[in-house]
Amino acid sequence: MSFNHREEHVDDQMLLIQANLDDMNPEWVSYIMDKLFDLGANDVFVVPIIMKRARPGIMLNVLLAADLLMEVEEVIFSETTTLGIRYMHASCHRLAREFEKVQTQWGPLTVKVGYHQGKLVQYAPEFKECEQVAKQYQVPLKRVYDEVRKQFMERQQNAPS
């Protein structure tokens, strides 16, 4: 399932899958999350929980298009300690989004921009690009991030209305 994210829309055919994980090394979580994202999951997140008999655990949450269900189930059952998965149908309102380049002292960097009803409401530098620049130029990540945000806002303020 592919959507044009340049237009604001609602995805109605989504699933939210949850699996409670206990007796599992928490270091495995990032590996599992990467595998799920690589399959095409829209979002993957974990929440610390207390399970029965006060055992600590993790609730794995995966938001996905329904057509990915079998592949995602395979990863969850083969890579985690869960014995079951819960499914909930979900609708997701997605902002229109674009990727814009801004010029910085380290070269052009990308900003993800979100629009609601045609109005700019969100913007954020692409983290991985900022991280790469910080490492390459040996500067604090927050400095790179702040510079990208500053350049984007200056361009917005100087843009014709």
C-alpha atoms as a PDB file:
ATOM      1  CA  MET A   1       0.000   0.000   0.000  1.00  0.00           C
ATOM      2  CA  SER A   2       1.550   3.284  -1.097  1.00  0.00           C
ATOM      3  CA  PHE A   3       0.279   6.774  -0.408  1.00  0.00           C
ATOM      4  CA  ASN A   4       1.175  10.168  -1.794  1.00  0.00           C
ATOM      5  CA  HIS A   5       2.435  11.928   1.307  1.00  0.00           C
ATOM      6  CA  ARG A   6       2.564  15.262  -0.513  1.00  0.00           C
ATOM      7  CA  GLU A   7      -1.183  15.440   0.163  1.00  0.00           C
ATOM      8  CA  GLU A   8      -2.826  15.414   3.593  1.00  0.00           C
ATOM      9  CA  HIS A   9      -4.898  12.245   3.956  1.00  0.00           C
ATOM     10  CA  VAL A  10      -6.299   9.570   6.250  1.00  0.00           C
ATOM     11  CA  ASP A  11      -5.085   5.968   5.960  1.00  0.00           C
ATOM     12  CA  ASP A  12      -8.072   3.805   6.967  1.00  0.00           C
ATOM     13  CA  GLN A  13      -6.658   0.322   6.374  1.00  0.00           C
ATOM     14  CA  MET A  14      -3.954   0.293   9.040  1.00  0.00           C
ATOM     15  CA  LEU A  15      -3.335  -2.206  11.834  1.00  0.00           C
ATOM     16  CA  LEU A  16      -1.790  -1.630  15.227  1.00  0.00           C
ATOM     17  CA  ILE A  17      -0.158  -4.821  16.471  1.00  0.00           C
ATOM     18  CA  GLN A  18       0.906  -5.272  20.076  1.00  0.00           C
ATOM     19  CA  ALA A  19       3.020  -8.011  21.609  1.00  0.00           C
ATOM     20  CA  ASN A  20       4.035  -8.265  25.262  1.00  0.00           C
ATOM     21  CA  LEU A  21       7.633  -9.363  25.657  1.00  0.00           C
ATOM     22  CA  ASP A  22       9.149 -10.789  28.805  1.00  0.00           C
ATOM     23  CA  ASP A  23      12.089 -13.058  29.386  1.00  0.00           C
ATOM     24  CA  MET A  24      13.785 -11.288  26.467  1.00  0.00           C
ATOM     25  CA  ASN A  25      17.026  -9.363  26.439  1.00  0.00           C
ATOM     26  CA  PRO A  26      16.043  -5.694  25.916  1.00  0.00           C
ATOM     27  CA  GLU A  27      19.173  -5.215  23.803  1.00  0.00           C
ATOM     28  CA  TRP A  28      17.385  -7.117  21.042  1.00  0.00           C
ATOM     29  CA  VAL A  29      14.726  -4.403  20.666  1.00  0.00           C
ATOM     30  CA  SER A  30      16.642  -2.102  18.290  1.00  0.00           C
ATOM     31  CA  TYR A  31      17.470  -5.048  16.014  1.00  0.00           C
ATOM     32  CA  ILE A  32      13.811  -6.108  15.909  1.00  0.00           C
ATOM     33  CA  MET A  33      12.650  -2.537  15.327  1.00  0.00           C
ATOM     34  CA  ASP A  34      15.061  -2.166  12.392  1.00  0.00           C
ATOM     35  CA  LYS A  35      13.778  -5.402  10.836  1.00  0.00           C
ATOM     36  CA  LEU A  36      10.164  -4.202  11.141  1.00  0.00           C
ATOM     37  CA  PHE A  37      10.957  -0.799   9.637  1.00  0.00           C
ATOM     38  CA  ASP A  38      12.846  -2.515   6.803  1.00  0.00           C
ATOM     39  CA  LEU A  39       9.691  -4.511   6.027  1.00  0.00           C
ATOM     40  CA  GLY A  40       7.730  -1.276   5.684  1.00  0.00           C
ATOM     41  CA  ALA A  41       6.165  -0.734   9.120  1.00  0.00           C
ATOM     42  CA  ASN A  42       4.975   2.853   9.462  1.00  0.00           C
ATOM     43  CA  ASP A  43       5.908   3.092  13.117  1.00  0.00           C
ATOM     44  CA  VAL A  44       7.462   0.834  15.727  1.00  0.00           C
ATOM     45  CA  PHE A  45       7.719   1.724  19.401  1.00  0.00           C
ATOM     46  CA  VAL A  46       8.062   0.033  22.768  1.00  0.00           C
ATOM     47  CA  VAL A  47       6.567   0.793  26.158  1.00  0.00           C
ATOM     48  CA  PRO A  48       7.886  -0.578  29.453  1.00  0.00           C
ATOM     49  CA  ILE A  49       5.159  -2.523  31.274  1.00  0.00           C
ATOM     50  CA  ILE A  50       4.640  -4.563  34.422  1.00  0.00           C
ATOM     51  CA  MET A  51       3.146  -7.920  33.569  1.00  0.00           C
ATOM     52  CA  LYS A  52       1.405 -10.482  35.772  1.00  0.00           C
ATOM     53  CA  ARG A  53       3.204 -11.489  38.953  1.00  0.00           C
ATOM     54  CA  ALA A  54       4.920  -8.061  38.742  1.00  0.00           C
ATOM     55  CA  ARG A  55       7.335  -9.207  36.039  1.00  0.00           C
ATOM     56  CA  PRO A  56       8.918  -6.379  34.020  1.00  0.00           C
ATOM     57  CA  GLY A  57       8.256  -6.510  30.324  1.00  0.00           C
ATOM     58  CA  ILE A  58       8.085  -4.542  27.103  1.00  0.00           C
ATOM     59  CA  MET A  59       5.038  -3.919  24.924  1.00  0.00           C
ATOM     60  CA  LEU A  60       6.046  -3.891  21.259  1.00  0.00           C
ATOM     61  CA  ASN A  61       3.741  -1.750  19.104  1.00  0.00           C
ATOM     62  CA  VAL A  62       3.817  -1.862  15.302  1.00  0.00           C
ATOM     63  CA  LEU A  63       1.711   0.319  13.004  1.00  0.00           C
ATOM     64  CA  LEU A  64       1.470  -1.128   9.521  1.00  0.00           C
ATOM     65  CA  ALA A  65      -0.550  -1.400   6.353  1.00  0.00           C
ATOM     66  CA  ALA A  66      -2.743  -4.502   6.535  1.00  0.00           C
ATOM     67  CA  ASP A  67      -1.033  -6.113   3.529  1.00  0.00           C
ATOM     68  CA  LEU A  68       2.217  -6.450   5.556  1.00  0.00           C
ATOM     69  CA  LEU A  69       0.615  -8.480   8.344  1.00  0.00           C
ATOM     70  CA  MET A  70       2.032 -11.923   7.510  1.00  0.00           C
ATOM     71  CA  GLU A  71       5.601 -10.655   7.102  1.00  0.00           C
ATOM     72  CA  VAL A  72       5.428  -8.645  10.338  1.00  0.00           C
ATOM     73  CA  GLU A  73       3.968 -11.617  12.235  1.00  0.00           C
ATOM     74  CA  GLU A  74       6.867 -13.755  11.019  1.00  0.00           C
ATOM     75  CA  VAL A  75       9.425 -11.288  12.410  1.00  0.00           C
ATOM     76  CA  ILE A  76       7.625 -10.889  15.735  1.00  0.00           C
ATOM     77  CA  PHE A  77       7.167 -14.612  16.318  1.00  0.00           C
ATOM     78  CA  SER A  78      10.659 -15.589  15.143  1.00  0.00           C
ATOM     79  CA  GLU A  79      12.647 -12.743  16.731  1.00  0.00           C
ATOM     80  CA  THR A  80      10.862 -12.149  20.063  1.00  0.00           C
ATOM     81  CA  THR A  81       9.725 -14.199  23.056  1.00  0.00           C
ATOM     82  CA  THR A  82       6.025 -13.413  22.679  1.00  0.00           C
ATOM     83  CA  LEU A  83       3.413 -16.148  22.612  1.00  0.00           C
ATOM     84  CA  GLY A  84       0.680 -13.961  21.119  1.00  0.00           C
ATOM     85  CA  ILE A  85      -0.146 -10.815  19.188  1.00  0.00           C
ATOM     86  CA  ARG A  86      -3.078  -8.388  19.528  1.00  0.00           C
ATOM     87  CA  TYR A  87      -4.514  -6.636  16.467  1.00  0.00           C
ATOM     88  CA  MET A  88      -6.444  -3.378  16.323  1.00  0.00           C
ATOM     89  CA  HIS A  89      -7.716  -1.659  13.229  1.00  0.00           C
ATOM     90  CA  ALA A  90      -6.480   1.918  13.022  1.00  0.00           C
ATOM     91  CA  SER A  91      -6.922   5.058  10.969  1.00  0.00           C
ATOM     92  CA  CYS A  92      -4.066   7.532  10.710  1.00  0.00           C
ATOM     93  CA  HIS A  93      -4.432  11.184   9.738  1.00  0.00           C
ATOM     94  CA  ARG A  94      -1.228  12.113   7.961  1.00  0.00           C
ATOM     95  CA  LEU A  95      -0.099  15.639   7.282  1.00  0.00           C
ATOM     96  CA  ALA A  96       1.030  16.618   3.826  1.00  0.00           C
ATOM     97  CA  ARG A  97       4.809  16.482   3.899  1.00  0.00           C
ATOM     98  CA  GLU A  98       7.676  17.609   1.783  1.00  0.00           C
ATOM     99  CA  PHE A  99      11.428  17.474   2.057  1.00  0.00           C
ATOM    100  CA  GLU A 100      13.286  20.723   1.537  1.00  0.00           C
ATOM    101  CA  LYS A 101      16.999  21.461   1.403  1.00  0.00           C
ATOM    102  CA  VAL A 102      18.568  24.357   3.286  1.00  0.00           C
ATOM    103  CA  GLN A 103      22.105  25.594   2.893  1.00  0.00           C
ATOM    104  CA  THR A 104      24.313  25.377   5.982  1.00  0.00           C
ATOM    105  CA  GLN A 105      27.983  25.919   6.648  1.00  0.00           C
ATOM    106  CA  TRP A 106      28.375  22.143   6.196  1.00  0.00           C
ATOM    107  CA  GLY A 107      26.508  22.033   2.904  1.00  0.00           C
ATOM    108  CA  PRO A 108      22.852  21.391   2.044  1.00  0.00           C
ATOM    109  CA  LEU A 109      20.797  19.490   4.621  1.00  0.00           C
ATOM    110  CA  THR A 110      17.220  18.211   4.508  1.00  0.00           C
ATOM    111  CA  VAL A 111      14.223  19.417   6.511  1.00  0.00           C
ATOM    112  CA  LYS A 112      10.988  17.377   6.714  1.00  0.00           C
ATOM    113  CA  VAL A 113       8.081  19.820   6.534  1.00  0.00           C
ATOM    114  CA  GLY A 114       4.461  19.079   7.520  1.00  0.00           C
ATOM    115  CA  TYR A 115       1.347  20.956   6.379  1.00  0.00           C
ATOM    116  CA  HIS A 116      -2.163  20.849   7.830  1.00  0.00           C
ATOM    117  CA  GLN A 117      -4.844  22.277   5.550  1.00  0.00           C
ATOM    118  CA  GLY A 118      -2.091  23.939   3.529  1.00  0.00           C
ATOM    119  CA  LYS A 119      -0.487  25.661   6.524  1.00  0.00           C
ATOM    120  CA  LEU A 120       3.044  24.901   7.762  1.00  0.00           C
ATOM    121  CA  VAL A 121       2.697  23.280  11.199  1.00  0.00           C
ATOM    122  CA  GLN A 122       5.767  21.050  11.609  1.00  0.00           C
ATOM    123  CA  TYR A 123       9.369  21.056  10.487  1.00  0.00           C
ATOM    124  CA  ALA A 124      12.378  19.069  11.591  1.00  0.00           C
ATOM    125  CA  PRO A 125      15.874  18.465  10.271  1.00  0.00           C
ATOM    126  CA  GLU A 126      16.544  14.932   9.067  1.00  0.00           C
ATOM    127  CA  PHE A 127      18.255  13.424  12.089  1.00  0.00           C
ATOM    128  CA  LYS A 128      20.568  10.989  10.299  1.00  0.00           C
ATOM    129  CA  GLU A 129      21.972  13.753   8.079  1.00  0.00           C
ATOM    130  CA  CYS A 130      22.596  15.959  11.115  1.00  0.00           C
ATOM    131  CA  GLU A 131      24.212  13.061  12.963  1.00  0.00           C
ATOM    132  CA  GLN A 132      26.515  12.358  10.012  1.00  0.00           C
ATOM    133  CA  VAL A 133      27.577  16.032   9.798  1.00  0.00           C
ATOM    134  CA  ALA A 134      28.204  16.203  13.556  1.00  0.00           C
ATOM    135  CA  LYS A 135      30.478  13.174  13.360  1.00  0.00           C
ATOM    136  CA  GLN A 136      32.232  14.272  10.192  1.00  0.00           C
ATOM    137  CA  TYR A 137      32.960  17.828  11.371  1.00  0.00           C
ATOM    138  CA  GLN A 138      33.368  17.000  15.086  1.00  0.00           C
ATOM    139  CA  VAL A 139      30.679  19.496  16.171  1.00  0.00           C
ATOM    140  CA  PRO A 140      27.848  18.999  18.672  1.00  0.00           C
ATOM    141  CA  LEU A 141      24.752  17.419  17.151  1.00  0.00           C
ATOM    142  CA  LYS A 142      22.533  20.082  18.728  1.00  0.00           C
ATOM    143  CA  ARG A 143      24.565  22.794  16.955  1.00  0.00           C
ATOM    144  CA  VAL A 144      23.956  21.169  13.567  1.00  0.00           C
ATOM    145  CA  TYR A 145      20.273  20.624  14.348  1.00  0.00           C
ATOM    146  CA  ASP A 146      19.816  24.234  15.525  1.00  0.00           C
ATOM    147  CA  GLU A 147      21.598  25.605  12.443  1.00  0.00           C
ATOM    148  CA  VAL A 148      19.337  23.651  10.076  1.00  0.00           C
ATOM    149  CA  ARG A 149      16.205  24.881  11.912  1.00  0.00           C
ATOM    150  CA  LYS A 150      17.504  28.477  11.874  1.00  0.00           C
ATOM    151  CA  GLN A 151      18.248  28.393   8.133  1.00  0.00           C
ATOM    152  CA  PHE A 152      14.834  26.921   7.397  1.00  0.00           C
ATOM    153  CA  MET A 153      12.991  29.572   9.434  1.00  0.00           C
ATOM    154  CA  GLU A 154      15.005  32.412   7.869  1.00  0.00           C
ATOM    155  CA  ARG A 155      14.084  31.106   4.437  1.00  0.00           C
ATOM    156  CA  GLN A 156      10.413  30.905   5.466  1.00  0.00           C
ATOM    157  CA  GLN A 157      10.434  34.479   6.757  1.00  0.00           C
ATOM    158  CA  ASN A 158      12.067  35.770   3.575  1.00  0.00           C
ATOM    159  CA  ALA A 159       9.805  33.832   1.210  1.00  0.00           C
ATOM    160  CA  PRO A 160       7.157  35.812  -0.694  1.00  0.00           C
ATOM    161  CA  SER A 161       3.656  35.337   0.743  1.00  0.00           C
END
